[in-house]
Amino acid sequence: MILLLSLTLLIVFSCKKDPTENPVTPPLGLEQMDLPGAMMTLSAISYVADGQPESVIRDSITILLSDTSLATQGKWQLAWGPGISGMKSNLSFVVSIITSSGPVYAIVIRGTNTFS
C-alpha cells in the first residue's frame, strides 16, 4: 500500500499543474530535486546492460544510481530487482530515496527489449 501511494505521489508531482490550482508540495527532501529529470533518468537506466545476465544488469543499475552527475543525484538506491521476464523482453526494478518525510519509492519498468 505504501509503495502504491509513493508511486502515485511521484507521478502526481512530476506532472505539470494548472498554475491557477493550489500548489502541492512534494515530500520534504524531494522539493529541490528535478523529479521529471530523475524519472526520465530512471527510465533510461532500465536499458543499461540490455541482454546481459541479471547480475550484470543489477550491478550496472547500482553504479548508475550512485552517479551524482545524473538527475538522480546519486540519492536513489536499488530496493528490489531487477525482475526480468522469461524471454528477457521486459524488465522492472524498484528504487527508493530517503527523505525527511520517510522513504519514497519509484517503480521502473522497461517495456521493450531492443534485441527482440
PDB file of N, CA and C in Angstrom:
ATOM      1  N   MET A   1       0.825  -1.182   0.000  1.00  0.00           N
ATOM      2  CA  MET A   1       0.000   0.000   0.000  1.00  0.00           C
ATOM      3  C   MET A   1       0.878   1.258   0.000  1.00  0.00           C
ATOM      4  N   ILE A   2       1.916   1.269   0.844  1.00  0.00           N
ATOM      5  CA  ILE A   2       2.810   2.428   0.896  1.00  0.00           C
ATOM      6  C   ILE A   2       3.517   2.594  -0.435  1.00  0.00           C
ATOM      7  N   LEU A   3       3.902   1.478  -1.060  1.00  0.00           N
ATOM      8  CA  LEU A   3       4.574   1.525  -2.355  1.00  0.00           C
ATOM      9  C   LEU A   3       3.660   2.155  -3.404  1.00  0.00           C
ATOM     10  N   LEU A   4       2.401   1.751  -3.428  1.00  0.00           N
ATOM     11  CA  LEU A   4       1.449   2.302  -4.383  1.00  0.00           C
ATOM     12  C   LEU A   4       1.223   3.783  -4.131  1.00  0.00           C
ATOM     13  N   LEU A   5       1.101   4.173  -2.886  1.00  0.00           N
ATOM     14  CA  LEU A   5       0.931   5.578  -2.538  1.00  0.00           C
ATOM     15  C   LEU A   5       2.151   6.393  -2.945  1.00  0.00           C
ATOM     16  N   SER A   6       3.341   5.870  -2.700  1.00  0.00           N
ATOM     17  CA  SER A   6       4.569   6.583  -3.065  1.00  0.00           C
ATOM     18  C   SER A   6       4.674   6.756  -4.568  1.00  0.00           C
ATOM     19  N   LEU A   7       4.351   5.700  -5.317  1.00  0.00           N
ATOM     20  CA  LEU A   7       4.383   5.787  -6.775  1.00  0.00           C
ATOM     21  C   LEU A   7       3.390   6.831  -7.264  1.00  0.00           C
ATOM     22  N   THR A   8       2.195   6.827  -6.684  1.00  0.00           N
ATOM     23  CA  THR A   8       1.182   7.814  -7.061  1.00  0.00           C
ATOM     24  C   THR A   8       1.673   9.224  -6.791  1.00  0.00           C
ATOM     25  N   LEU A   9       2.311   9.433  -5.646  1.00  0.00           N
ATOM     26  CA  LEU A   9       2.833  10.758  -5.325  1.00  0.00           C
ATOM     27  C   LEU A   9       3.901  11.187  -6.323  1.00  0.00           C
ATOM     28  N   LEU A  10       4.784  10.277  -6.696  1.00  0.00           N
ATOM     29  CA  LEU A  10       5.816  10.617  -7.675  1.00  0.00           C
ATOM     30  C   LEU A  10       5.210  11.004  -9.016  1.00  0.00           C
ATOM     31  N   ILE A  11       4.183  10.288  -9.437  1.00  0.00           N
ATOM     32  CA  ILE A  11       3.531  10.605 -10.704  1.00  0.00           C
ATOM     33  C   ILE A  11       2.846  11.967 -10.618  1.00  0.00           C
ATOM     34  N   VAL A  12       2.150  12.199  -9.524  1.00  0.00           N
ATOM     35  CA  VAL A  12       1.445  13.468  -9.345  1.00  0.00           C
ATOM     36  C   VAL A  12       2.416  14.626  -9.339  1.00  0.00           C
ATOM     37  N   PHE A  13       3.536  14.496  -8.631  1.00  0.00           N
ATOM     38  CA  PHE A  13       4.470  15.609  -8.520  1.00  0.00           C
ATOM     39  C   PHE A  13       5.268  15.837  -9.799  1.00  0.00           C
ATOM     40  N   SER A  14       5.347  14.832 -10.660  1.00  0.00           N
ATOM     41  CA  SER A  14       6.118  15.021 -11.883  1.00  0.00           C
ATOM     42  C   SER A  14       5.257  15.543 -13.038  1.00  0.00           C
ATOM     43  N   CYS A  15       3.939  15.621 -12.839  1.00  0.00           N
ATOM     44  CA  CYS A  15       3.051  16.136 -13.878  1.00  0.00           C
ATOM     45  C   CYS A  15       2.914  17.645 -13.748  1.00  0.00           C
ATOM     46  N   LYS A  16       2.732  18.302 -14.891  1.00  0.00           N
ATOM     47  CA  LYS A  16       2.529  19.754 -14.868  1.00  0.00           C
ATOM     48  C   LYS A  16       1.159  20.051 -14.282  1.00  0.00           C
ATOM     49  N   LYS A  17       1.093  21.102 -13.502  1.00  0.00           N
ATOM     50  CA  LYS A  17      -0.148  21.510 -12.858  1.00  0.00           C
ATOM     51  C   LYS A  17      -0.668  22.794 -13.490  1.00  0.00           C
ATOM     52  N   ASP A  18      -1.949  22.985 -13.373  1.00  0.00           N
ATOM     53  CA  ASP A  18      -2.556  24.250 -13.766  1.00  0.00           C
ATOM     54  C   ASP A  18      -2.111  25.291 -12.754  1.00  0.00           C
ATOM     55  N   PRO A  19      -1.483  26.402 -13.213  1.00  0.00           N
ATOM     56  CA  PRO A  19      -0.958  27.390 -12.264  1.00  0.00           C
ATOM     57  C   PRO A  19      -2.030  28.044 -11.412  1.00  0.00           C
ATOM     58  N   THR A  20      -3.297  27.906 -11.809  1.00  0.00           N
ATOM     59  CA  THR A  20      -4.364  28.504 -11.006  1.00  0.00           C
ATOM     60  C   THR A  20      -4.795  27.597  -9.862  1.00  0.00           C
ATOM     61  N   GLU A  21      -4.373  26.324  -9.899  1.00  0.00           N
ATOM     62  CA  GLU A  21      -4.710  25.395  -8.825  1.00  0.00           C
ATOM     63  C   GLU A  21      -3.825  25.646  -7.614  1.00  0.00           C
ATOM     64  N   ASN A  22      -4.260  25.152  -6.474  1.00  0.00           N
ATOM     65  CA  ASN A  22      -3.431  25.236  -5.269  1.00  0.00           C
ATOM     66  C   ASN A  22      -2.185  24.388  -5.483  1.00  0.00           C
ATOM     67  N   PRO A  23      -1.014  24.942  -5.202  1.00  0.00           N
ATOM     68  CA  PRO A  23       0.212  24.153  -5.406  1.00  0.00           C
ATOM     69  C   PRO A  23       0.304  23.014  -4.397  1.00  0.00           C
ATOM     70  N   VAL A  24       0.815  21.886  -4.856  1.00  0.00           N
ATOM     71  CA  VAL A  24       1.044  20.735  -3.996  1.00  0.00           C
ATOM     72  C   VAL A  24       2.552  20.601  -3.844  1.00  0.00           C
ATOM     73  N   THR A  25       2.998  20.457  -2.629  1.00  0.00           N
ATOM     74  CA  THR A  25       4.435  20.338  -2.419  1.00  0.00           C
ATOM     75  C   THR A  25       4.817  18.865  -2.284  1.00  0.00           C
ATOM     76  N   PRO A  26       5.940  18.484  -2.858  1.00  0.00           N
ATOM     77  CA  PRO A  26       6.397  17.096  -2.739  1.00  0.00           C
ATOM     78  C   PRO A  26       6.875  16.807  -1.322  1.00  0.00           C
ATOM     79  N   PRO A  27       7.084  15.539  -0.984  1.00  0.00           N
ATOM     80  CA  PRO A  27       7.594  15.203   0.347  1.00  0.00           C
ATOM     81  C   PRO A  27       8.897  15.948   0.623  1.00  0.00           C
ATOM     82  N   LEU A  28       9.103  16.317   1.867  1.00  0.00           N
ATOM     83  CA  LEU A  28      10.328  17.014   2.234  1.00  0.00           C
ATOM     84  C   LEU A  28      11.534  16.207   1.799  1.00  0.00           C
ATOM     85  N   GLY A  29      12.473  16.871   1.192  1.00  0.00           N
ATOM     86  CA  GLY A  29      13.663  16.202   0.684  1.00  0.00           C
ATOM     87  C   GLY A  29      13.621  16.027  -0.822  1.00  0.00           C
ATOM     88  N   LEU A  30      12.426  16.098  -1.421  1.00  0.00           N
ATOM     89  CA  LEU A  30      12.305  15.982  -2.867  1.00  0.00           C
ATOM     90  C   LEU A  30      11.976  17.320  -3.518  1.00  0.00           C
ATOM     91  N   GLU A  31      11.711  18.329  -2.719  1.00  0.00           N
ATOM     92  CA  GLU A  31      11.287  19.611  -3.280  1.00  0.00           C
ATOM     93  C   GLU A  31      12.370  20.294  -4.103  1.00  0.00           C
ATOM     94  N   GLN A  32      13.625  19.981  -3.868  1.00  0.00           N
ATOM     95  CA  GLN A  32      14.700  20.604  -4.629  1.00  0.00           C
ATOM     96  C   GLN A  32      15.219  19.709  -5.757  1.00  0.00           C
ATOM     97  N   MET A  33      14.648  18.526  -5.893  1.00  0.00           N
ATOM     98  CA  MET A  33      15.089  17.604  -6.941  1.00  0.00           C
ATOM     99  C   MET A  33      14.263  17.831  -8.203  1.00  0.00           C
ATOM    100  N   ASP A  34      14.899  17.703  -9.338  1.00  0.00           N
ATOM    101  CA  ASP A  34      14.218  17.752 -10.627  1.00  0.00           C
ATOM    102  C   ASP A  34      13.531  16.398 -10.823  1.00  0.00           C
ATOM    103  N   LEU A  35      12.293  16.271 -10.334  1.00  0.00           N
ATOM    104  CA  LEU A  35      11.614  14.973 -10.379  1.00  0.00           C
ATOM    105  C   LEU A  35      11.375  14.471 -11.800  1.00  0.00           C
ATOM    106  N   PRO A  36      10.918  15.316 -12.736  1.00  0.00           N
ATOM    107  CA  PRO A  36      10.774  14.785 -14.100  1.00  0.00           C
ATOM    108  C   PRO A  36      12.113  14.296 -14.662  1.00  0.00           C
ATOM    109  N   GLY A  37      13.179  15.026 -14.396  1.00  0.00           N
ATOM    110  CA  GLY A  37      14.502  14.608 -14.858  1.00  0.00           C
ATOM    111  C   GLY A  37      14.940  13.312 -14.200  1.00  0.00           C
ATOM    112  N   ALA A  38      14.658  13.183 -12.911  1.00  0.00           N
ATOM    113  CA  ALA A  38      15.014  11.955 -12.188  1.00  0.00           C
ATOM    114  C   ALA A  38      14.232  10.760 -12.726  1.00  0.00           C
ATOM    115  N   MET A  39      12.939  10.954 -13.004  1.00  0.00           N
ATOM    116  CA  MET A  39      12.124   9.858 -13.519  1.00  0.00           C
ATOM    117  C   MET A  39      12.585   9.452 -14.925  1.00  0.00           C
ATOM    118  N   MET A  40      12.946  10.425 -15.758  1.00  0.00           N
ATOM    119  CA  MET A  40      13.454  10.102 -17.098  1.00  0.00           C
ATOM    120  C   MET A  40      14.801   9.377 -17.002  1.00  0.00           C
ATOM    121  N   THR A  41      15.620   9.784 -16.053  1.00  0.00           N
ATOM    122  CA  THR A  41      16.913   9.120 -15.859  1.00  0.00           C
ATOM    123  C   THR A  41      16.711   7.679 -15.416  1.00  0.00           C
ATOM    124  N   LEU A  42      15.774   7.454 -14.492  1.00  0.00           N
ATOM    125  CA  LEU A  42      15.487   6.090 -14.055  1.00  0.00           C
ATOM    126  C   LEU A  42      14.995   5.245 -15.227  1.00  0.00           C
ATOM    127  N   SER A  43      14.179   5.839 -16.089  1.00  0.00           N
ATOM    128  CA  SER A  43      13.708   5.110 -17.272  1.00  0.00           C
ATOM    129  C   SER A  43      14.876   4.746 -18.179  1.00  0.00           C
ATOM    130  N   ALA A  44      15.781   5.675 -18.387  1.00  0.00           N
ATOM    131  CA  ALA A  44      16.948   5.410 -19.235  1.00  0.00           C
ATOM    132  C   ALA A  44      17.840   4.334 -18.618  1.00  0.00           C
ATOM    133  N   ILE A  45      17.979   4.363 -17.294  1.00  0.00           N
ATOM    134  CA  ILE A  45      18.803   3.361 -16.608  1.00  0.00           C
ATOM    135  C   ILE A  45      18.256   1.955 -16.837  1.00  0.00           C
ATOM    136  N   SER A  46      16.954   1.819 -17.053  1.00  0.00           N
ATOM    137  CA  SER A  46      16.371   0.485 -17.229  1.00  0.00           C
ATOM    138  C   SER A  46      16.901  -0.228 -18.471  1.00  0.00           C
ATOM    139  N   TYR A  47      17.550   0.505 -19.372  1.00  0.00           N
ATOM    140  CA  TYR A  47      18.103  -0.110 -20.583  1.00  0.00           C
ATOM    141  C   TYR A  47      19.575  -0.473 -20.450  1.00  0.00           C
ATOM    142  N   VAL A  48      20.198  -0.181 -19.319  1.00  0.00           N
ATOM    143  CA  VAL A  48      21.624  -0.451 -19.151  1.00  0.00           C
ATOM    144  C   VAL A  48      21.884  -1.960 -19.201  1.00  0.00           C
ATOM    145  N   ALA A  49      22.947  -2.335 -19.863  1.00  0.00           N
ATOM    146  CA  ALA A  49      23.388  -3.737 -19.956  1.00  0.00           C
ATOM    147  C   ALA A  49      22.308  -4.646 -20.531  1.00  0.00           C
ATOM    148  N   ASP A  50      21.475  -4.098 -21.409  1.00  0.00           N
ATOM    149  CA  ASP A  50      20.389  -4.858 -22.049  1.00  0.00           C
ATOM    150  C   ASP A  50      20.945  -6.127 -22.680  1.00  0.00           C
ATOM    151  N   GLY A  51      20.311  -7.255 -22.398  1.00  0.00           N
ATOM    152  CA  GLY A  51      20.733  -8.527 -22.954  1.00  0.00           C
ATOM    153  C   GLY A  51      21.795  -9.256 -22.141  1.00  0.00           C
ATOM    154  N   GLN A  52      22.276  -8.629 -21.074  1.00  0.00           N
ATOM    155  CA  GLN A  52      23.311  -9.237 -20.227  1.00  0.00           C
ATOM    156  C   GLN A  52      22.655 -10.058 -19.112  1.00  0.00           C
ATOM    157  N   PRO A  53      23.419 -10.862 -18.388  1.00  0.00           N
ATOM    158  CA  PRO A  53      22.878 -11.613 -17.252  1.00  0.00           C
ATOM    159  C   PRO A  53      22.336 -10.663 -16.172  1.00  0.00           C
ATOM    160  N   GLU A  54      21.402 -11.168 -15.389  1.00  0.00           N
ATOM    161  CA  GLU A  54      20.753 -10.361 -14.348  1.00  0.00           C
ATOM    162  C   GLU A  54      21.759  -9.719 -13.394  1.00  0.00           C
ATOM    163  N   SER A  55      22.814 -10.432 -13.013  1.00  0.00           N
ATOM    164  CA  SER A  55      23.793  -9.882 -12.076  1.00  0.00           C
ATOM    165  C   SER A  55      24.524  -8.679 -12.674  1.00  0.00           C
ATOM    166  N   VAL A  56      24.802  -8.723 -13.973  1.00  0.00           N
ATOM    167  CA  VAL A  56      25.469  -7.608 -14.645  1.00  0.00           C
ATOM    168  C   VAL A  56      24.528  -6.404 -14.712  1.00  0.00           C
ATOM    169  N   ILE A  57      23.250  -6.668 -15.019  1.00  0.00           N
ATOM    170  CA  ILE A  57      22.259  -5.591 -15.068  1.00  0.00           C
ATOM    171  C   ILE A  57      22.127  -4.948 -13.691  1.00  0.00           C
ATOM    172  N   ARG A  58      22.021  -5.763 -12.639  1.00  0.00           N
ATOM    173  CA  ARG A  58      21.878  -5.241 -11.268  1.00  0.00           C
ATOM    174  C   ARG A  58      23.072  -4.359 -10.893  1.00  0.00           C
ATOM    175  N   ASP A  59      24.271  -4.853 -11.152  1.00  0.00           N
ATOM    176  CA  ASP A  59      25.474  -4.077 -10.835  1.00  0.00           C
ATOM    177  C   ASP A  59      25.515  -2.773 -11.626  1.00  0.00           C
ATOM    178  N   SER A  60      25.116  -2.826 -12.890  1.00  0.00           N
ATOM    179  CA  SER A  60      25.125  -1.633 -13.732  1.00  0.00           C
ATOM    180  C   SER A  60      24.110  -0.609 -13.241  1.00  0.00           C
ATOM    181  N   ILE A  61      22.927  -1.072 -12.843  1.00  0.00           N
ATOM    182  CA  ILE A  61      21.915  -0.174 -12.284  1.00  0.00           C
ATOM    183  C   ILE A  61      22.447   0.486 -11.020  1.00  0.00           C
ATOM    184  N   THR A  62      23.043  -0.298 -10.144  1.00  0.00           N
ATOM    185  CA  THR A  62      23.583   0.224  -8.884  1.00  0.00           C
ATOM    186  C   THR A  62      24.655   1.284  -9.135  1.00  0.00           C
ATOM    187  N   ILE A  63      25.521   1.037 -10.088  1.00  0.00           N
ATOM    188  CA  ILE A  63      26.584   2.004 -10.414  1.00  0.00           C
ATOM    189  C   ILE A  63      25.969   3.316 -10.916  1.00  0.00           C
ATOM    190  N   LEU A  64      24.991   3.218 -11.823  1.00  0.00           N
ATOM    191  CA  LEU A  64      24.378   4.437 -12.358  1.00  0.00           C
ATOM    192  C   LEU A  64      23.571   5.186 -11.296  1.00  0.00           C
ATOM    193  N   LEU A  65      22.933   4.453 -10.387  1.00  0.00           N
ATOM    194  CA  LEU A  65      22.182   5.122  -9.317  1.00  0.00           C
ATOM    195  C   LEU A  65      23.105   5.912  -8.393  1.00  0.00           C
ATOM    196  N   SER A  66      24.344   5.495  -8.264  1.00  0.00           N
ATOM    197  CA  SER A  66      25.291   6.195  -7.386  1.00  0.00           C
ATOM    198  C   SER A  66      25.980   7.370  -8.072  1.00  0.00           C
ATOM    199  N   ASP A  67      25.732   7.560  -9.370  1.00  0.00           N
ATOM    200  CA  ASP A  67      26.375   8.638 -10.144  1.00  0.00           C
ATOM    201  C   ASP A  67      25.740   9.988  -9.796  1.00  0.00           C
ATOM    202  N   THR A  68      26.510  10.845  -9.136  1.00  0.00           N
ATOM    203  CA  THR A  68      25.984  12.142  -8.692  1.00  0.00           C
ATOM    204  C   THR A  68      25.843  13.148  -9.831  1.00  0.00           C
ATOM    205  N   SER A  69      26.384  12.851 -11.002  1.00  0.00           N
ATOM    206  CA  SER A  69      26.265  13.782 -12.125  1.00  0.00           C
ATOM    207  C   SER A  69      24.939  13.629 -12.869  1.00  0.00           C
ATOM    208  N   LEU A  70      24.178  12.582 -12.578  1.00  0.00           N
ATOM    209  CA  LEU A  70      22.890  12.363 -13.232  1.00  0.00           C
ATOM    210  C   LEU A  70      21.783  13.101 -12.489  1.00  0.00           C
ATOM    211  N   ALA A  71      20.619  13.215 -13.098  1.00  0.00           N
ATOM    212  CA  ALA A  71      19.487  13.915 -12.475  1.00  0.00           C
ATOM    213  C   ALA A  71      19.029  13.234 -11.190  1.00  0.00           C
ATOM    214  N   THR A  72      19.350  11.965 -11.023  1.00  0.00           N
ATOM    215  CA  THR A  72      19.004  11.251  -9.791  1.00  0.00           C
ATOM    216  C   THR A  72      19.937  11.616  -8.637  1.00  0.00           C
ATOM    217  N   GLN A  73      21.002  12.347  -8.927  1.00  0.00           N
ATOM    218  CA  GLN A  73      21.921  12.924  -7.940  1.00  0.00           C
ATOM    219  C   GLN A  73      22.604  11.911  -7.037  1.00  0.00           C
ATOM    220  N   GLY A  74      22.603  10.637  -7.418  1.00  0.00           N
ATOM    221  CA  GLY A  74      23.229   9.615  -6.587  1.00  0.00           C
ATOM    222  C   GLY A  74      22.484   9.326  -5.298  1.00  0.00           C
ATOM    223  N   LYS A  75      21.233   9.794  -5.204  1.00  0.00           N
ATOM    224  CA  LYS A  75      20.467   9.658  -3.961  1.00  0.00           C
ATOM    225  C   LYS A  75      19.527   8.458  -3.940  1.00  0.00           C
ATOM    226  N   TRP A  76      19.244   7.872  -5.092  1.00  0.00           N
ATOM    227  CA  TRP A  76      18.335   6.737  -5.159  1.00  0.00           C
ATOM    228  C   TRP A  76      19.108   5.435  -4.960  1.00  0.00           C
ATOM    229  N   GLN A  77      18.460   4.464  -4.312  1.00  0.00           N
ATOM    230  CA  GLN A  77      19.065   3.154  -4.048  1.00  0.00           C
ATOM    231  C   GLN A  77      18.184   2.066  -4.644  1.00  0.00           C
ATOM    232  N   LEU A  78      18.803   1.001  -5.118  1.00  0.00           N
ATOM    233  CA  LEU A  78      18.045  -0.136  -5.623  1.00  0.00           C
ATOM    234  C   LEU A  78      17.386  -0.833  -4.441  1.00  0.00           C
ATOM    235  N   ALA A  79      16.055  -0.916  -4.452  1.00  0.00           N
ATOM    236  CA  ALA A  79      15.317  -1.549  -3.353  1.00  0.00           C
ATOM    237  C   ALA A  79      14.899  -2.976  -3.705  1.00  0.00           C
ATOM    238  N   TRP A  80      14.705  -3.251  -4.998  1.00  0.00           N
ATOM    239  CA  TRP A  80      14.305  -4.583  -5.452  1.00  0.00           C
ATOM    240  C   TRP A  80      14.664  -4.733  -6.927  1.00  0.00           C
ATOM    241  N   GLY A  81      15.065  -5.945  -7.276  1.00  0.00           N
ATOM    242  CA  GLY A  81      15.228  -6.247  -8.678  1.00  0.00           C
ATOM    243  C   GLY A  81      16.666  -6.303  -9.132  1.00  0.00           C
ATOM    244  N   PRO A  82      16.820  -6.400 -10.409  1.00  0.00           N
ATOM    245  CA  PRO A  82      15.783  -6.279 -11.427  1.00  0.00           C
ATOM    246  C   PRO A  82      15.012  -7.579 -11.620  1.00  0.00           C
ATOM    247  N   GLY A  83      13.765  -7.440 -11.994  1.00  0.00           N
ATOM    248  CA  GLY A  83      12.945  -8.570 -12.391  1.00  0.00           C
ATOM    249  C   GLY A  83      12.932  -8.607 -13.906  1.00  0.00           C
ATOM    250  N   ILE A  84      13.247  -9.736 -14.484  1.00  0.00           N
ATOM    251  CA  ILE A  84      13.329  -9.854 -15.933  1.00  0.00           C
ATOM    252  C   ILE A  84      12.396 -10.970 -16.387  1.00  0.00           C
ATOM    253  N   SER A  85      11.596 -10.698 -17.431  1.00  0.00           N
ATOM    254  CA  SER A  85      10.672 -11.717 -17.927  1.00  0.00           C
ATOM    255  C   SER A  85      11.439 -12.869 -18.551  1.00  0.00           C
ATOM    256  N   GLY A  86      10.775 -14.018 -18.705  1.00  0.00           N
ATOM    257  CA  GLY A  86      11.413 -15.221 -19.218  1.00  0.00           C
ATOM    258  C   GLY A  86      12.072 -15.049 -20.571  1.00  0.00           C
ATOM    259  N   MET A  87      11.486 -14.261 -21.446  1.00  0.00           N
ATOM    260  CA  MET A  87      12.058 -14.022 -22.774  1.00  0.00           C
ATOM    261  C   MET A  87      12.976 -12.799 -22.769  1.00  0.00           C
ATOM    262  N   LYS A  88      13.235 -12.264 -21.579  1.00  0.00           N
ATOM    263  CA  LYS A  88      14.060 -11.062 -21.409  1.00  0.00           C
ATOM    264  C   LYS A  88      13.509  -9.864 -22.194  1.00  0.00           C
ATOM    265  N   SER A  89      12.171  -9.838 -22.358  1.00  0.00           N
ATOM    266  CA  SER A  89      11.572  -8.755 -23.124  1.00  0.00           C
ATOM    267  C   SER A  89      11.160  -7.583 -22.233  1.00  0.00           C
ATOM    268  N   ASN A  90      10.923  -7.826 -20.963  1.00  0.00           N
ATOM    269  CA  ASN A  90      10.552  -6.766 -20.032  1.00  0.00           C
ATOM    270  C   ASN A  90      11.456  -6.816 -18.818  1.00  0.00           C
ATOM    271  N   LEU A  91      11.648  -5.671 -18.198  1.00  0.00           N
ATOM    272  CA  LEU A  91      12.486  -5.582 -17.017  1.00  0.00           C
ATOM    273  C   LEU A  91      11.835  -4.579 -16.079  1.00  0.00           C
ATOM    274  N   SER A  92      11.917  -4.823 -14.795  1.00  0.00           N
ATOM    275  CA  SER A  92      11.428  -3.859 -13.817  1.00  0.00           C
ATOM    276  C   SER A  92      12.329  -3.887 -12.600  1.00  0.00           C
ATOM    277  N   PHE A  93      12.370  -2.751 -11.905  1.00  0.00           N
ATOM    278  CA  PHE A  93      13.070  -2.679 -10.630  1.00  0.00           C
ATOM    279  C   PHE A  93      12.449  -1.574  -9.806  1.00  0.00           C
ATOM    280  N   VAL A  94      12.724  -1.592  -8.529  1.00  0.00           N
ATOM    281  CA  VAL A  94      12.183  -0.594  -7.604  1.00  0.00           C
ATOM    282  C   VAL A  94      13.354   0.127  -6.963  1.00  0.00           C
ATOM    283  N   VAL A  95      13.262   1.444  -6.918  1.00  0.00           N
ATOM    284  CA  VAL A  95      14.281   2.263  -6.269  1.00  0.00           C
ATOM    285  C   VAL A  95      13.628   3.044  -5.139  1.00  0.00           C
ATOM    286  N   SER A  96      14.456   3.457  -4.194  1.00  0.00           N
ATOM    287  CA  SER A  96      13.936   4.256  -3.081  1.00  0.00           C
ATOM    288  C   SER A  96      14.889   5.409  -2.803  1.00  0.00           C
ATOM    289  N   ILE A  97      14.333   6.418  -2.192  1.00  0.00           N
ATOM    290  CA  ILE A  97      15.110   7.551  -1.719  1.00  0.00           C
ATOM    291  C   ILE A  97      14.589   7.878  -0.323  1.00  0.00           C
ATOM    292  N   ILE A  98      15.487   8.165   0.584  1.00  0.00           N
ATOM    293  CA  ILE A  98      15.097   8.518   1.944  1.00  0.00           C
ATOM    294  C   ILE A  98      14.959  10.034   2.014  1.00  0.00           C
ATOM    295  N   THR A  99      13.792  10.488   2.409  1.00  0.00           N
ATOM    296  CA  THR A  99      13.540  11.912   2.578  1.00  0.00           C
ATOM    297  C   THR A  99      13.247  12.177   4.048  1.00  0.00           C
ATOM    298  N   SER A 100      13.173  13.434   4.409  1.00  0.00           N
ATOM    299  CA  SER A 100      12.846  13.753   5.805  1.00  0.00           C
ATOM    300  C   SER A 100      11.412  13.351   6.133  1.00  0.00           C
ATOM    301  N   SER A 101      10.585  13.094   5.114  1.00  0.00           N
ATOM    302  CA  SER A 101       9.221  12.609   5.325  1.00  0.00           C
ATOM    303  C   SER A 101       9.160  11.091   5.359  1.00  0.00           C
ATOM    304  N   GLY A 102      10.291  10.428   5.125  1.00  0.00           N
ATOM    305  CA  GLY A 102      10.335   8.974   5.079  1.00  0.00           C
ATOM    306  C   GLY A 102      10.729   8.498   3.695  1.00  0.00           C
ATOM    307  N   PRO A 103      10.735   7.190   3.477  1.00  0.00           N
ATOM    308  CA  PRO A 103      11.164   6.676   2.178  1.00  0.00           C
ATOM    309  C   PRO A 103      10.118   6.935   1.095  1.00  0.00           C
ATOM    310  N   VAL A 104      10.607   7.163  -0.112  1.00  0.00           N
ATOM    311  CA  VAL A 104       9.757   7.310  -1.297  1.00  0.00           C
ATOM    312  C   VAL A 104      10.265   6.287  -2.305  1.00  0.00           C
ATOM    313  N   TYR A 105       9.336   5.608  -2.961  1.00  0.00           N
ATOM    314  CA  TYR A 105       9.695   4.550  -3.902  1.00  0.00           C
ATOM    315  C   TYR A 105       9.249   4.912  -5.314  1.00  0.00           C
ATOM    316  N   ALA A 106       9.970   4.390  -6.291  1.00  0.00           N
ATOM    317  CA  ALA A 106       9.580   4.510  -7.689  1.00  0.00           C
ATOM    318  C   ALA A 106       9.714   3.140  -8.330  1.00  0.00           C
ATOM    319  N   ILE A 107       8.711   2.751  -9.097  1.00  0.00           N
ATOM    320  CA  ILE A 107       8.750   1.505  -9.855  1.00  0.00           C
ATOM    321  C   ILE A 107       9.171   1.858 -11.271  1.00  0.00           C
ATOM    322  N   VAL A 108      10.230   1.220 -11.743  1.00  0.00           N
ATOM    323  CA  VAL A 108      10.775   1.500 -13.067  1.00  0.00           C
ATOM    324  C   VAL A 108      10.515   0.277 -13.937  1.00  0.00           C
ATOM    325  N   ILE A 109       9.912   0.508 -15.110  1.00  0.00           N
ATOM    326  CA  ILE A 109       9.564  -0.597 -16.000  1.00  0.00           C
ATOM    327  C   ILE A 109      10.110  -0.317 -17.391  1.00  0.00           C
ATOM    328  N   ARG A 110      10.879  -1.265 -17.898  1.00  0.00           N
ATOM    329  CA  ARG A 110      11.320  -1.216 -19.291  1.00  0.00           C
ATOM    330  C   ARG A 110      10.404  -2.149 -20.062  1.00  0.00           C
ATOM    331  N   GLY A 111       9.703  -1.622 -21.035  1.00  0.00           N
ATOM    332  CA  GLY A 111       8.733  -2.431 -21.754  1.00  0.00           C
ATOM    333  C   GLY A 111       9.204  -2.938 -23.093  1.00  0.00           C
ATOM    334  N   THR A 112      10.391  -2.586 -23.532  1.00  0.00           N
ATOM    335  CA  THR A 112      10.865  -3.011 -24.848  1.00  0.00           C
ATOM    336  C   THR A 112      12.272  -3.549 -24.733  1.00  0.00           C
ATOM    337  N   ASN A 113      12.516  -4.666 -25.342  1.00  0.00           N
ATOM    338  CA  ASN A 113      13.848  -5.220 -25.445  1.00  0.00           C
ATOM    339  C   ASN A 113      14.361  -4.888 -26.847  1.00  0.00           C
ATOM    340  N   THR A 114      15.423  -4.137 -26.911  1.00  0.00           N
ATOM    341  CA  THR A 114      15.939  -3.699 -28.213  1.00  0.00           C
ATOM    342  C   THR A 114      16.472  -4.851 -29.057  1.00  0.00           C
ATOM    343  N   PHE A 115      16.661  -6.022 -28.450  1.00  0.00           N
ATOM    344  CA  PHE A 115      17.163  -7.175 -29.196  1.00  0.00           C
ATOM    345  C   PHE A 115      16.045  -8.062 -29.723  1.00  0.00           C
ATOM    346  N   SER A 116      14.783  -7.771 -29.390  1.00  0.00           N
ATOM    347  CA  SER A 116      13.687  -8.638 -29.833  1.00  0.00           C
ATOM    348  C   SER A 116      13.105  -8.174 -31.156  1.00  0.00           C
TER     349      SER A 116
END
